[in-house]
Amino acid sequence: MLPAERLEDYRAENEPFPSIRINHHTVIDLFPKKLWEQDISTGQGFRNLNHGCLSLTKKDWEDLHGRLRDHTMAIREGPVQRWGARGSGTSIYVTDPEGNVIEARFYEGNDQAEKWFLGI
């Protein structure tokens, strides 16, 4: 069984969704239908997946953010602080050409841990 994260806070309506932990570096957020279903008719909702998240080093995140700005690619949201698998991180959200939302995040002070995880 996978351990729940923030389940009691979700049940107490202090968090918008709970998560399940896969391992130290990975969680799956369990978005209730009300967070994605209501806007499908306007083209703002999500059919299957709310978004995918890529965890980057701070430098790689800054490089990506700069390239998006340089190429005038629309940033849907961010930079914003969000909770994730390793605590609070800084995220930006973009929409890919197929309409999928991609979150790019870095965790402050975790670049060494990220290098170890990626085998760099």
C-alpha atoms as a PDB file:
ATOM      1  CA  MET A   1       0.000   0.000   0.000  1.00  0.00           C
ATOM      2  CA  LEU A   2       1.273   3.459  -0.887  1.00  0.00           C
ATOM      3  CA  PRO A   3       1.343   5.988   1.964  1.00  0.00           C
ATOM      4  CA  ALA A   4      -0.974   8.995   1.731  1.00  0.00           C
ATOM      5  CA  GLU A   5       0.303  12.562   2.002  1.00  0.00           C
ATOM      6  CA  ARG A   6      -1.877  15.453   3.246  1.00  0.00           C
ATOM      7  CA  LEU A   7      -4.969  13.211   3.407  1.00  0.00           C
ATOM      8  CA  GLU A   8      -6.205  14.510   6.760  1.00  0.00           C
ATOM      9  CA  ASP A   9      -5.657  18.112   5.640  1.00  0.00           C
ATOM     10  CA  TYR A  10      -7.642  17.360   2.467  1.00  0.00           C
ATOM     11  CA  ARG A  11     -10.474  15.795   4.461  1.00  0.00           C
ATOM     12  CA  ALA A  12     -10.486  18.880   6.724  1.00  0.00           C
ATOM     13  CA  GLU A  13     -10.672  21.021   3.533  1.00  0.00           C
ATOM     14  CA  ASN A  14      -7.309  22.662   4.281  1.00  0.00           C
ATOM     15  CA  GLU A  15      -5.704  21.304   1.084  1.00  0.00           C
ATOM     16  CA  PRO A  16      -7.254  21.043  -2.402  1.00  0.00           C
ATOM     17  CA  PHE A  17      -6.076  17.449  -2.966  1.00  0.00           C
ATOM     18  CA  PRO A  18      -4.222  14.551  -1.308  1.00  0.00           C
ATOM     19  CA  SER A  19      -1.220  12.709  -2.748  1.00  0.00           C
ATOM     20  CA  ILE A  20       0.285   9.242  -2.550  1.00  0.00           C
ATOM     21  CA  ARG A  21       4.014   8.725  -2.158  1.00  0.00           C
ATOM     22  CA  ILE A  22       5.754   6.399  -4.614  1.00  0.00           C
ATOM     23  CA  ASN A  23       9.284   6.981  -3.245  1.00  0.00           C
ATOM     24  CA  HIS A  24      11.372   9.791  -1.734  1.00  0.00           C
ATOM     25  CA  HIS A  25      11.395  11.682  -5.048  1.00  0.00           C
ATOM     26  CA  THR A  26       7.926  10.941  -6.424  1.00  0.00           C
ATOM     27  CA  VAL A  27       4.313  11.601  -5.480  1.00  0.00           C
ATOM     28  CA  ILE A  28       1.106  11.287  -7.450  1.00  0.00           C
ATOM     29  CA  ASP A  29      -1.417  14.017  -6.735  1.00  0.00           C
ATOM     30  CA  LEU A  30      -5.028  12.842  -6.605  1.00  0.00           C
ATOM     31  CA  PHE A  31      -7.035  15.754  -7.980  1.00  0.00           C
ATOM     32  CA  PRO A  32     -10.774  15.490  -7.292  1.00  0.00           C
ATOM     33  CA  LYS A  33     -13.014  15.867 -10.345  1.00  0.00           C
ATOM     34  CA  LYS A  34     -14.168  19.305  -9.242  1.00  0.00           C
ATOM     35  CA  LEU A  35     -10.638  20.626  -9.955  1.00  0.00           C
ATOM     36  CA  TRP A  36     -10.571  19.511 -13.596  1.00  0.00           C
ATOM     37  CA  GLU A  37     -14.009  18.502 -14.786  1.00  0.00           C
ATOM     38  CA  GLN A  38     -15.847  21.823 -14.426  1.00  0.00           C
ATOM     39  CA  ASP A  39     -13.980  23.691 -17.155  1.00  0.00           C
ATOM     40  CA  ILE A  40     -13.804  21.102 -19.958  1.00  0.00           C
ATOM     41  CA  SER A  41     -16.628  22.808 -21.877  1.00  0.00           C
ATOM     42  CA  THR A  42     -14.634  26.061 -22.013  1.00  0.00           C
ATOM     43  CA  GLY A  43     -11.446  24.322 -23.103  1.00  0.00           C
ATOM     44  CA  GLN A  44      -9.829  25.067 -19.748  1.00  0.00           C
ATOM     45  CA  GLY A  45     -10.319  21.628 -18.184  1.00  0.00           C
ATOM     46  CA  PHE A  46      -8.339  18.421 -18.381  1.00  0.00           C
ATOM     47  CA  ARG A  47      -9.559  15.202 -19.941  1.00  0.00           C
ATOM     48  CA  ASN A  48      -7.274  12.692 -18.206  1.00  0.00           C
ATOM     49  CA  LEU A  49      -4.213  14.240 -16.609  1.00  0.00           C
ATOM     50  CA  ASN A  50      -4.143  17.545 -14.768  1.00  0.00           C
ATOM     51  CA  HIS A  51      -0.422  18.061 -15.475  1.00  0.00           C
ATOM     52  CA  GLY A  52       2.988  16.434 -15.500  1.00  0.00           C
ATOM     53  CA  CYS A  53       5.820  17.802 -13.373  1.00  0.00           C
ATOM     54  CA  LEU A  54       9.529  17.813 -14.191  1.00  0.00           C
ATOM     55  CA  SER A  55      11.964  18.414 -11.346  1.00  0.00           C
ATOM     56  CA  LEU A  56      15.061  20.314 -12.474  1.00  0.00           C
ATOM     57  CA  THR A  57      18.166  21.750 -10.867  1.00  0.00           C
ATOM     58  CA  LYS A  58      17.886  25.464 -10.190  1.00  0.00           C
ATOM     59  CA  LYS A  59      20.276  26.284 -13.051  1.00  0.00           C
ATOM     60  CA  ASP A  60      18.375  24.109 -15.544  1.00  0.00           C
ATOM     61  CA  TRP A  61      15.090  25.664 -14.376  1.00  0.00           C
ATOM     62  CA  GLU A  62      16.514  29.180 -14.809  1.00  0.00           C
ATOM     63  CA  ASP A  63      17.816  28.257 -18.290  1.00  0.00           C
ATOM     64  CA  LEU A  64      14.411  26.871 -19.298  1.00  0.00           C
ATOM     65  CA  HIS A  65      12.598  29.903 -17.892  1.00  0.00           C
ATOM     66  CA  GLY A  66      14.932  32.194 -19.855  1.00  0.00           C
ATOM     67  CA  ARG A  67      14.436  30.248 -23.107  1.00  0.00           C
ATOM     68  CA  LEU A  68      10.667  30.421 -22.705  1.00  0.00           C
ATOM     69  CA  ARG A  69      10.871  34.208 -22.216  1.00  0.00           C
ATOM     70  CA  ASP A  70      13.360  34.637 -25.094  1.00  0.00           C
ATOM     71  CA  HIS A  71      11.054  32.774 -27.469  1.00  0.00           C
ATOM     72  CA  THR A  72       7.944  34.568 -26.126  1.00  0.00           C
ATOM     73  CA  MET A  73       6.356  31.274 -25.124  1.00  0.00           C
ATOM     74  CA  ALA A  74       3.386  31.807 -22.856  1.00  0.00           C
ATOM     75  CA  ILE A  75       3.855  30.850 -19.241  1.00  0.00           C
ATOM     76  CA  ARG A  76       0.467  29.736 -18.002  1.00  0.00           C
ATOM     77  CA  GLU A  77       1.331  30.372 -14.353  1.00  0.00           C
ATOM     78  CA  GLY A  78       4.360  31.202 -12.265  1.00  0.00           C
ATOM     79  CA  PRO A  79       6.867  31.404 -10.934  1.00  0.00           C
ATOM     80  CA  VAL A  80       4.941  30.214  -7.880  1.00  0.00           C
ATOM     81  CA  GLN A  81       5.766  28.285  -4.727  1.00  0.00           C
ATOM     82  CA  ARG A  82       4.090  24.857  -4.635  1.00  0.00           C
ATOM     83  CA  TRP A  83       4.270  21.759  -2.494  1.00  0.00           C
ATOM     84  CA  GLY A  84       5.792  18.680  -4.116  1.00  0.00           C
ATOM     85  CA  ALA A  85       7.539  15.389  -3.486  1.00  0.00           C
ATOM     86  CA  ARG A  86      10.483  17.054  -1.716  1.00  0.00           C
ATOM     87  CA  GLY A  87       8.668  19.915  -0.009  1.00  0.00           C
ATOM     88  CA  SER A  88       8.106  23.418  -1.323  1.00  0.00           C
ATOM     89  CA  GLY A  89       9.577  24.332  -4.692  1.00  0.00           C
ATOM     90  CA  THR A  90       9.393  27.045  -7.339  1.00  0.00           C
ATOM     91  CA  SER A  91       7.320  26.164 -10.406  1.00  0.00           C
ATOM     92  CA  ILE A  92       6.281  27.484 -13.779  1.00  0.00           C
ATOM     93  CA  TYR A  93       3.509  25.969 -15.882  1.00  0.00           C
ATOM     94  CA  VAL A  94       3.401  25.875 -19.687  1.00  0.00           C
ATOM     95  CA  THR A  95       1.099  24.231 -22.203  1.00  0.00           C
ATOM     96  CA  ASP A  96       2.666  21.981 -24.836  1.00  0.00           C
ATOM     97  CA  PRO A  97       1.473  21.947 -28.480  1.00  0.00           C
ATOM     98  CA  GLU A  98      -0.957  19.094 -27.715  1.00  0.00           C
ATOM     99  CA  GLY A  99      -2.614  21.011 -24.877  1.00  0.00           C
ATOM    100  CA  ASN A 100      -0.936  19.187 -21.981  1.00  0.00           C
ATOM    101  CA  VAL A 101       0.106  21.264 -18.981  1.00  0.00           C
ATOM    102  CA  ILE A 102       3.752  20.789 -17.965  1.00  0.00           C
ATOM    103  CA  GLU A 103       5.103  22.005 -14.643  1.00  0.00           C
ATOM    104  CA  ALA A 104       8.845  22.663 -14.315  1.00  0.00           C
ATOM    105  CA  ARG A 105      10.044  22.886 -10.700  1.00  0.00           C
ATOM    106  CA  PHE A 106      13.211  23.247  -8.696  1.00  0.00           C
ATOM    107  CA  TYR A 107      13.729  22.765  -4.986  1.00  0.00           C
ATOM    108  CA  GLU A 108      16.015  25.362  -3.409  1.00  0.00           C
ATOM    109  CA  GLY A 109      19.180  23.834  -1.969  1.00  0.00           C
ATOM    110  CA  ASN A 110      18.550  20.386  -3.467  1.00  0.00           C
ATOM    111  CA  ASP A 111      20.863  20.591  -6.500  1.00  0.00           C
ATOM    112  CA  GLN A 112      23.355  18.142  -4.972  1.00  0.00           C
ATOM    113  CA  ALA A 113      20.592  15.668  -4.116  1.00  0.00           C
ATOM    114  CA  GLU A 114      19.190  16.096  -7.631  1.00  0.00           C
ATOM    115  CA  LYS A 115      22.603  15.341  -9.181  1.00  0.00           C
ATOM    116  CA  TRP A 116      22.885  12.185  -7.079  1.00  0.00           C
ATOM    117  CA  PHE A 117      19.367  11.072  -8.042  1.00  0.00           C
ATOM    118  CA  LEU A 118      20.038  11.628 -11.753  1.00  0.00           C
ATOM    119  CA  GLY A 119      23.466   9.963 -11.577  1.00  0.00           C
ATOM    120  CA  ILE A 120      25.304  13.141 -12.667  1.00  0.00           C
END
